[in-house]
Each structure stands twice: as structure tokens, then as C-alpha cells.
Protein backbone atom coordinates (compact mmCIF):
# COMPACT_ATOMS: atom_id res chain seq x y z
CA MET A 1 -18.98 -20.01 -38.09
CA SER A 2 -20.93 -22.36 -36.05
CA LEU A 3 -21.66 -22.79 -32.30
CA ASP A 4 -18.94 -25.44 -32.17
CA GLU A 5 -16.38 -23.69 -34.12
CA LEU A 6 -16.94 -20.50 -32.26
CA ARG A 7 -16.31 -22.50 -28.56
CA HIS A 8 -13.37 -23.90 -30.11
CA ARG A 9 -12.26 -20.50 -30.71
CA ILE A 10 -12.77 -19.52 -26.86
CA ASP A 11 -10.88 -22.55 -26.06
CA GLN A 12 -8.19 -21.33 -28.30
CA LEU A 13 -8.14 -17.97 -26.94
CA ASP A 14 -8.47 -18.91 -23.11
CA GLU A 15 -5.72 -20.66 -23.73
CA ASN A 16 -3.40 -18.15 -24.66
CA ILE A 17 -4.83 -15.61 -21.88
CA VAL A 18 -3.86 -18.05 -19.37
CA LYS A 19 -0.63 -18.58 -20.80
CA LEU A 20 0.06 -14.89 -21.01
CA LEU A 21 -1.13 -14.57 -17.30
CA ALA A 22 1.13 -16.97 -16.09
CA GLU A 23 3.66 -15.41 -17.83
CA ARG A 24 2.83 -11.85 -16.57
CA LEU A 25 2.76 -13.17 -13.06
CA ALA A 26 6.36 -14.50 -13.68
CA VAL A 27 7.79 -11.27 -14.57
CA ALA A 28 5.71 -9.45 -11.51
CA GLU A 29 7.32 -12.17 -8.82
CA ALA A 30 11.02 -11.38 -10.82
CA ILE A 31 10.06 -7.69 -10.31
CA GLY A 32 9.32 -8.16 -6.71
CA HIS A 33 12.81 -9.95 -5.86
CA GLU A 34 14.75 -7.14 -8.15
CA LYS A 35 12.68 -4.35 -5.55
CA SER A 36 13.83 -6.31 -2.46
CA ALA A 37 17.43 -7.02 -3.36
CA SER A 38 17.37 -2.91 -4.28
CA GLY A 39 15.31 -2.24 -1.38
CA ASN A 40 12.80 -0.55 -2.99
CA ALA A 41 9.09 -0.55 -1.54
CA PRO A 42 7.18 -3.88 -2.91
CA ILE A 43 4.07 -2.06 -3.40
CA ASP A 44 3.87 0.82 -5.50
CA PRO A 45 0.19 2.23 -6.13
CA GLY A 46 1.44 5.21 -8.55
CA ARG A 47 2.93 2.00 -10.55
CA GLU A 48 -0.43 0.38 -10.55
CA ARG A 49 -2.41 3.29 -11.73
CA LYS A 50 -0.07 4.02 -14.51
CA VAL A 51 -0.61 -0.01 -15.71
CA LEU A 52 -4.36 0.28 -15.19
CA ASP A 53 -4.51 3.46 -16.97
CA HIS A 54 -2.76 1.72 -20.12
CA ALA A 55 -4.84 -1.32 -19.71
CA ILE A 56 -7.85 1.11 -19.91
CA SER A 57 -6.66 3.01 -23.03
CA THR A 58 -5.56 -0.27 -24.85
CA ALA A 59 -9.39 -1.64 -24.28
CA ALA A 60 -11.02 1.21 -25.35
CA ALA A 61 -9.82 0.43 -28.74
CA GLY A 62 -11.06 -3.07 -28.60
CA GLY A 63 -14.54 -1.70 -27.54
CA MET A 64 -14.13 -2.75 -23.46
CA SER A 65 -15.23 -0.19 -21.47
CA ALA A 66 -13.29 1.51 -18.44
CA ASP A 67 -15.37 -0.45 -16.06
CA GLU A 68 -15.08 -4.20 -17.89
CA ILE A 69 -11.00 -3.50 -17.78
CA THR A 70 -10.86 -2.08 -14.17
CA GLU A 71 -12.63 -4.91 -12.80
CA ILE A 72 -10.49 -7.38 -14.68
CA TYR A 73 -7.16 -5.78 -14.21
CA GLY A 74 -8.21 -4.91 -10.62
CA SER A 75 -7.79 -9.08 -9.88
CA VAL A 76 -5.01 -9.35 -11.87
CA ILE A 77 -3.12 -6.27 -10.39
CA LYS A 78 -3.83 -8.36 -6.85
CA LEU A 79 -2.39 -11.61 -8.14
CA ALA A 80 0.77 -9.81 -9.32
CA ARG A 81 1.08 -8.17 -5.29
CA GLN A 82 0.83 -11.71 -4.21
CA ARG A 83 3.78 -12.41 -6.18
CA GLN A 84 6.06 -10.34 -4.59
CA GLU A 85 7.04 -11.39 -1.30
CA THR A 86 6.98 -8.75 1.73
CA SER A 87 8.07 -8.93 5.44
CA VAL A 88 5.66 -7.27 7.66
CA ALA A 89 5.91 -7.20 11.40
CA PHE A 90 2.53 -7.16 13.58
CA GLN A 91 1.77 -7.40 17.33
CA GLY A 92 -0.03 -10.65 18.69
CA GLU A 93 0.06 -14.31 17.78
CA ALA A 94 -0.43 -16.10 14.67
CA GLY A 95 -3.97 -15.57 13.91
CA ALA A 96 -4.34 -12.27 15.16
CA TYR A 97 -6.29 -9.77 13.03
CA SER A 98 -3.52 -7.77 12.71
CA GLU A 99 -1.95 -10.46 10.73
CA ALA A 100 -4.95 -11.14 8.87
CA ALA A 101 -4.77 -7.28 7.85
CA ALA A 102 -1.16 -7.84 6.82
CA LEU A 103 -1.75 -10.94 4.96
CA ALA A 104 -4.82 -8.97 3.19
CA TYR A 105 -2.75 -6.00 2.41
CA PHE A 106 0.50 -7.23 1.11
CA GLY A 107 -0.56 -10.75 -0.22
CA PRO A 108 -0.90 -14.34 0.97
CA ARG A 109 2.76 -15.01 0.06
CA SER A 110 3.81 -12.14 2.61
CA VAL A 111 6.16 -13.12 5.57
CA THR A 112 4.78 -12.18 8.93
CA ARG A 113 6.87 -11.46 12.32
CA SER A 114 5.07 -12.11 15.20
CA CYS A 115 5.79 -9.14 17.92
CA GLU A 116 5.15 -8.97 21.75
CA SER A 117 4.07 -5.39 21.36
CA LEU A 118 3.58 -2.83 19.24
CA GLU A 119 6.76 -0.90 20.40
CA GLU A 120 8.76 -4.01 18.76
CA VAL A 121 6.71 -3.35 15.58
CA PHE A 122 8.12 -0.06 15.47
CA ARG A 123 11.58 -1.21 16.41
CA GLN A 124 11.59 -4.05 13.72
CA VAL A 125 10.77 -1.81 10.88
CA ALA A 126 12.75 0.57 12.02
CA ASN A 127 16.10 -1.48 12.47
CA GLY A 128 15.43 -2.86 9.11
CA ILE A 129 14.28 -6.41 10.11
CA VAL A 130 11.50 -6.28 8.21
CA GLN A 131 9.93 -3.85 5.95
CA PHE A 132 6.52 -3.11 7.01
CA GLY A 133 4.78 -3.16 10.37
CA MET A 134 0.94 -3.39 10.26
CA ILE A 135 -0.74 -1.32 13.09
CA PRO A 136 -4.64 -0.95 14.14
CA ILE A 137 -5.35 2.47 14.37
CA GLU A 138 -8.97 2.74 15.15
CA ASN A 139 -12.46 0.65 15.49
CA SER A 140 -15.29 1.74 13.89
CA VAL A 141 -17.25 0.39 17.27
CA GLU A 142 -14.66 1.10 20.04
CA GLY A 143 -12.73 4.27 18.76
CA SER A 144 -8.69 4.63 18.45
CA ILE A 145 -6.24 2.76 19.72
CA SER A 146 -4.45 5.33 21.35
CA ARG A 147 -0.98 3.77 21.72
CA SER A 148 -0.78 3.60 18.12
CA TYR A 149 -0.95 6.97 17.62
CA ASP A 150 1.49 7.86 20.55
CA LEU A 151 3.83 5.82 18.74
CA MET A 152 3.44 7.26 15.08
CA LEU A 153 3.98 10.40 17.01
CA GLU A 154 7.83 9.45 18.53
CA SER A 155 8.53 7.53 15.77
CA ASN A 156 10.07 8.35 12.26
CA LEU A 157 8.48 5.82 10.34
CA MET A 158 5.81 7.03 7.89
CA VAL A 159 2.23 5.53 7.00
CA SER A 160 2.39 4.01 3.88
CA GLY A 161 -0.76 2.61 3.53
CA GLU A 162 -4.28 1.94 5.05
CA LEU A 163 -6.54 -1.18 5.25
CA ASN A 164 -10.04 -1.49 6.58
CA LEU A 165 -10.76 -5.08 7.96
CA ARG A 166 -14.08 -6.47 8.65
CA VAL A 167 -13.98 -7.96 12.29
CA ASN A 168 -15.64 -11.31 12.99
CA HIS A 169 -15.34 -12.27 16.50
CA CYS A 170 -15.96 -15.87 17.72
CA LEU A 171 -15.99 -17.58 21.30
CA ILE A 172 -13.72 -20.08 20.99
CA GLY A 173 -12.55 -22.95 23.57
CA ASN A 174 -10.79 -26.41 23.78
CA PRO A 175 -12.15 -29.38 22.03
CA GLY A 176 -13.50 -30.26 25.17
CA SER A 177 -15.55 -27.32 26.26
CA THR A 178 -18.95 -26.44 25.87
CA LEU A 179 -20.57 -22.98 26.22
CA ASP A 180 -22.63 -23.97 29.47
CA GLY A 181 -19.26 -24.80 31.22
CA ILE A 182 -17.66 -21.26 30.38
CA LYS A 183 -16.95 -19.18 33.45
CA ARG A 184 -14.72 -16.52 32.20
CA VAL A 185 -13.41 -15.30 28.94
CA TYR A 186 -9.81 -13.98 27.48
CA SER A 187 -9.19 -11.50 25.14
CA HIS A 188 -7.90 -8.09 23.97
CA PRO A 189 -9.93 -5.18 26.01
CA GLN A 190 -11.14 -3.89 22.52
CA ALA A 191 -12.55 -7.48 21.64
CA LEU A 192 -14.11 -7.70 24.71
CA GLY A 193 -15.81 -4.37 24.49
CA GLN A 194 -17.50 -5.18 20.92
CA THR A 195 -18.85 -8.29 22.41
CA GLY A 196 -20.07 -7.14 25.41
CA HIS A 197 -23.55 -7.27 25.28
CA PHE A 198 -23.10 -11.19 24.39
CA LEU A 199 -20.62 -12.14 27.34
CA ARG A 200 -22.71 -10.01 29.90
CA GLN A 201 -26.05 -12.49 28.78
CA LEU A 202 -23.62 -15.34 29.74
CA HIS A 203 -22.35 -13.77 32.98
CA LEU A 204 -18.70 -14.44 31.99
CA GLU A 205 -15.89 -13.22 33.98
CA LEU A 206 -13.86 -10.78 31.65
CA ILE A 207 -10.32 -11.16 31.55
CA PRO A 208 -8.09 -8.64 29.45
CA ALA A 209 -5.07 -10.01 27.65
CA SER A 210 -2.83 -8.47 25.10
CA ASP A 211 -4.47 -9.93 21.54
CA THR A 212 -7.03 -11.74 20.92
CA ALA A 213 -4.71 -14.76 19.17
CA GLY A 214 -2.78 -14.70 22.02
CA SER A 215 -5.75 -15.46 24.44
CA VAL A 216 -6.48 -18.44 22.40
CA LYS A 217 -3.02 -20.13 22.45
CA LEU A 218 -2.98 -18.81 26.46
CA ILE A 219 -6.28 -21.29 26.99
CA LYS A 220 -5.13 -24.04 24.55
CA GLU A 221 -1.36 -24.29 26.67
CA LYS A 222 -3.54 -24.54 30.04
CA GLY A 223 -5.90 -26.75 28.97
CA PHE A 224 -8.74 -24.61 30.89
CA THR A 225 -12.15 -26.04 29.81
CA ASP A 226 -13.84 -23.45 31.71
CA ALA A 227 -12.53 -20.47 29.64
CA ALA A 228 -12.60 -19.42 26.27
CA ALA A 229 -11.04 -16.31 24.21
CA VAL A 230 -13.03 -13.84 21.82
CA ALA A 231 -10.86 -14.07 18.78
CA SER A 232 -11.10 -14.92 14.75
CA GLU A 233 -12.42 -18.17 12.98
CA ARG A 234 -8.72 -18.35 11.60
CA ALA A 235 -6.86 -17.90 14.93
CA ALA A 236 -9.35 -20.90 16.22
CA ALA A 237 -8.04 -22.95 12.90
CA ILE A 238 -4.31 -22.40 13.55
CA TYR A 239 -4.54 -23.52 17.13
CA GLY A 240 -7.25 -26.55 16.23
CA MET A 241 -9.92 -25.00 19.01
CA LYS A 242 -13.48 -25.57 18.89
CA ILE A 243 -15.83 -22.44 18.07
CA LEU A 244 -18.74 -22.02 20.51
CA ALA A 245 -20.41 -19.18 18.88
CA ARG A 246 -19.92 -17.33 15.90
CA ASP A 247 -20.47 -13.50 15.25
CA ILE A 248 -21.07 -12.50 18.71
CA MET A 249 -20.49 -9.07 18.45
CA ASP A 250 -22.73 -6.47 19.48
CA ASN A 251 -22.75 -4.37 16.30
CA PRO A 252 -22.47 -6.24 12.88
CA ASN A 253 -21.03 -3.48 11.19
CA ASN A 254 -17.69 -3.47 12.90
CA PHE A 255 -14.54 -2.70 11.03
CA THR A 256 -10.63 -1.86 11.92
CA ARG A 257 -8.61 0.35 10.47
CA PHE A 258 -4.94 -0.38 10.16
CA PHE A 259 -1.69 1.65 9.06
CA ALA A 260 1.13 -0.19 6.50
CA LEU A 261 4.47 1.43 8.34
CA GLY A 262 7.71 1.66 6.47
CA LEU A 263 10.60 3.68 6.53
CA HIS A 264 8.71 6.06 3.62
CA ASP A 265 5.25 6.98 2.67
CA ALA A 266 3.84 5.98 -0.66
CA PRO A 267 4.07 7.86 -4.18
CA PRO A 268 1.19 9.70 -5.36
CA SER A 269 -1.81 7.19 -6.87
CA GLY A 270 -4.62 9.91 -7.38
CA ASP A 271 -6.66 8.89 -4.52
CA ASP A 272 -4.75 9.50 -1.95
CA LYS A 273 -4.98 10.52 1.91
CA THR A 274 -2.40 12.29 3.92
CA SER A 275 -1.91 12.17 7.77
CA VAL A 276 -0.63 14.86 10.29
CA VAL A 277 -0.25 15.89 13.66
CA PHE A 278 0.15 18.89 15.05
CA ALA A 279 -0.25 21.13 18.24
CA VAL A 280 -1.93 24.77 17.80
CA LYS A 281 -0.62 27.87 19.26
CA HIS A 282 -2.62 29.13 22.95
CA LYS A 283 -4.82 31.64 21.29
CA PRO A 284 -8.69 31.85 20.70
CA GLY A 285 -9.55 30.81 17.54
CA ALA A 286 -6.27 28.96 16.75
CA LEU A 287 -7.76 25.18 15.78
CA TYR A 288 -10.29 27.22 13.73
CA GLU A 289 -7.31 29.12 11.80
CA PHE A 290 -5.89 25.96 11.00
CA LEU A 291 -8.73 24.19 9.70
CA ARG A 292 -9.86 27.60 7.62
CA ILE A 293 -6.64 26.99 5.75
CA LEU A 294 -8.27 23.49 4.52
CA ALA A 295 -11.59 24.72 3.78
CA GLU A 296 -10.28 27.61 1.66
CA ARG A 297 -8.62 25.56 -0.57
CA GLN A 298 -11.19 22.67 -0.98
CA ILE A 299 -9.42 20.16 0.92
CA ASN A 300 -11.43 17.38 2.80
CA LEU A 301 -11.38 16.53 5.77
CA THR A 302 -11.98 13.02 6.82
CA LYS A 303 -10.75 13.10 10.38
CA ILE A 304 -9.72 14.87 13.44
CA GLU A 305 -8.84 13.53 17.00
CA SER A 306 -7.19 14.60 19.77
CA ARG A 307 -4.37 13.29 22.49
CA PRO A 308 -2.61 14.52 25.31
CA THR A 309 0.43 15.92 24.71
CA ARG A 310 1.89 13.95 27.76
CA LYS A 311 4.16 16.98 28.45
CA LYS A 312 1.81 19.59 30.21
CA ALA A 313 -1.80 18.70 31.74
CA TRP A 314 -4.68 19.79 29.59
CA GLU A 315 -2.67 20.24 26.54
CA TYR A 316 -3.28 18.21 23.15
CA ASN A 317 -1.75 17.15 20.30
CA PHE A 318 -4.40 17.22 17.18
CA TYR A 319 -4.25 14.10 14.54
CA LEU A 320 -5.92 14.74 11.54
CA ASP A 321 -6.57 13.07 8.03
CA PHE A 322 -7.74 14.77 4.81
CA GLU A 323 -7.68 13.90 1.29
CA GLY A 324 -4.92 14.25 -1.25
CA HIS A 325 -1.35 13.66 -1.40
CA ARG A 326 1.31 16.13 0.15
CA GLN A 327 3.01 15.93 -3.31
CA ASP A 328 0.00 17.42 -4.80
CA GLU A 329 0.28 21.00 -5.83
CA ARG A 330 -3.01 22.04 -4.20
CA ILE A 331 -1.81 20.28 -0.93
CA LYS A 332 2.13 21.13 -1.12
CA ALA A 333 0.67 24.90 -1.58
CA ALA A 334 -1.34 24.46 1.92
CA LEU A 335 1.17 22.65 3.85
CA PRO A 336 3.44 26.21 4.43
CA ALA A 337 0.20 27.72 5.85
CA LEU A 338 -0.75 24.86 8.27
CA GLU A 339 2.53 24.95 9.59
CA GLU A 340 2.65 28.18 10.30
CA GLN A 341 -0.73 28.15 12.37
CA THR A 342 1.33 25.60 14.86
CA LEU A 343 3.88 25.35 17.44
CA PHE A 344 4.44 21.49 16.15
CA PHE A 345 3.76 19.95 12.75
CA LYS A 346 4.53 16.72 11.39
CA ILE A 347 3.28 14.70 8.33
CA LEU A 348 2.60 11.02 9.48
CA GLY A 349 2.89 10.28 5.54
CA SER A 350 0.39 10.07 2.34
CA TYR A 351 -0.98 6.68 1.35
CA PRO A 352 -3.39 5.43 -1.11
CA LYS A 353 -7.16 5.62 0.38
CA ALA A 354 -8.47 2.11 2.26
CA ARG A 355 -9.32 -0.67 0.17
CA THR A 356 -11.96 -2.69 2.43
CA GLU A 357 -11.53 -6.33 3.20
CA GLY A 358 -14.32 -8.95 4.63
CA LYS A 359 -17.45 -6.78 3.49
């Protein structure tokens, strides 16, 4: 074949590939409608893993490597997710980082619902108003969001997924404002803490608010020209505001971890984590005995954190994440032994390990 003939063949193949991709996405959208009508979760990591494994085995016969087909099908699966409409509650106004996390995890076609508080996010999911909630659980700079942990303890909702979102803070003002004219700044306390060095240099008054995007909305509605907000570039665009400074974080390696909450956790995907909360018995070495069970079974601990029980002074619940799904044989075998070492033990959910957005 000549070069021109080969190029013509490429064009023909590309036309067929595009037609098949369009057909595949249409089927994925129909599956999404069927899942919604039957009350099934829109995202099934176990099914996605089977789809990918099937593509890998099929591609091997054609001489393609697993890495090559994984890169291609990763994009196909992501597009298919985006065709399956999902309703998600988040705390804050439109443009909040929690909304960005919801859209990144569930896809841009997701219907997001703004809530005034984290408590309202939990209520919306529990009452079936939305399918999922997206809540921040910890920040790589400022640490854990304690209210999120407390609400998970109190709720019957389960963790069905996690996502790590890069946080890029901006200083945002009204169109008529200037950086030199700003005297005070509004934002969520965590955002103020993450940008403290920059804000102190400007000698600004720091005013805590319920969320980042809500702070932008506030200064817009009030018409302040001597006040700004710390929030995302997306929040500035949504409210038609002016970015006075970009990338103002003290630490550029700033990520927030989010949990997707639902009525059920996720089926096994082959690369999962499990979160639990427990209280140990009041005796020497009780926590050690709990952790020893994990170590002896080669179960990798990824996080442990204590929170006051709020029932008695100086008594704590422990929140712990480890690798593996609660349906995995090794984890199932360990759970009774772990529970035996505790006064209280609750599985918060098993879910696929986080993917990171905005690297």
C-alpha cells in the first residue's frame, strides 16, 4: 500500500471507531437511566474492572499491551460515567470545592444540590432526595474535618467512594476592587488557614465564613470593594467576580480528600479501602492488640485518628482506614477478631481507592 492509501485506511478506521464510541456511550446513557429507575447505584467499580479486564484480554490477541488499552479504556469508562446522570448534595454555594469534587467524581452531567450545612447533606441522602452526598474529610495541610467524622459516626450512610482534589485558592473581589484596597477577607476557616502567610503579608482582617464560594457570593451581594474572599477560580467565574491574586496557598501541595456517601458502600473493585470507627476496651495495650490483628494478617493500615466520644471526658473513638474490601476473604476473616477487641465497632464503608483530580 502507498502512503496515501494507508492514510485513507486510517480515516476509514477512525470513522468506524467514532461511530462505535458514540453507540457505546448511548448504551451507557441508557444503562444510567435503567439504574436510576431501579434505584441502583450509578457507579459500579466492580463492573468497570470487569469491562477493563475484558478489553485487556481482547486487546492482547491483537498485540496491544495492557498499559496501552488501560490508558485508552480509562478515558472511555470516564466518558461513560459522565453519561449516567447522578444527583449529589454538597455543603456550600455553587462553586464550592465540594461541588467541584462531586462533578469530578460523578461527572459533569451530575445534578448537584447546594446545602447550608454538612448535616443537611446527610439528611438529603438519608431521605432519598439525592442519591449521594460529597463531604470533605481531611486536608493535606490543615488536617481532618472533625464535623464530617462526627456525622459519619451518627449516621447510617456509608462511604461508597473517595477522591483527592487539588485545592488552588484565589483572592477574589468585586470587579471594582484592587488588591491595595482590600482590608478584610472572608472564607472558610480551613481556607484562611491554608493561605495564612499570604494574607498576613497584606495585613488583612480574617473573617471566618461557612464556605469558600459562599464568601464570594456574600461580597458580591454586599457590593464590598474593600473586602475579598478566598475561593476557587471557578467560584469567581460563576459569580462574575475579579481574581486579585492566584495560587495564594502557603503549601502548593494542597489536597482535600472527599468521601462520597450513599445508602450502601461500593462492591469490590480489586483495589479498595475500608474505613471503620471503634472504641477500645479500657486496659493497657488494648489499641496495640487491635492493630496487631491487622499486622499479623498483612493488612496495610493507611490512616488512624482519634476523636473525643463526647460522652465522657478523655475517652476517644478511633477512625481507621486500611487496604482491602470488607468482602475480601482476608478482611472478612479479620473483622470478628477486630470487633472482639473493642467496646464499639462500626464499618463506615468499603470503596475504591481514591483517584486524584487536578494534579
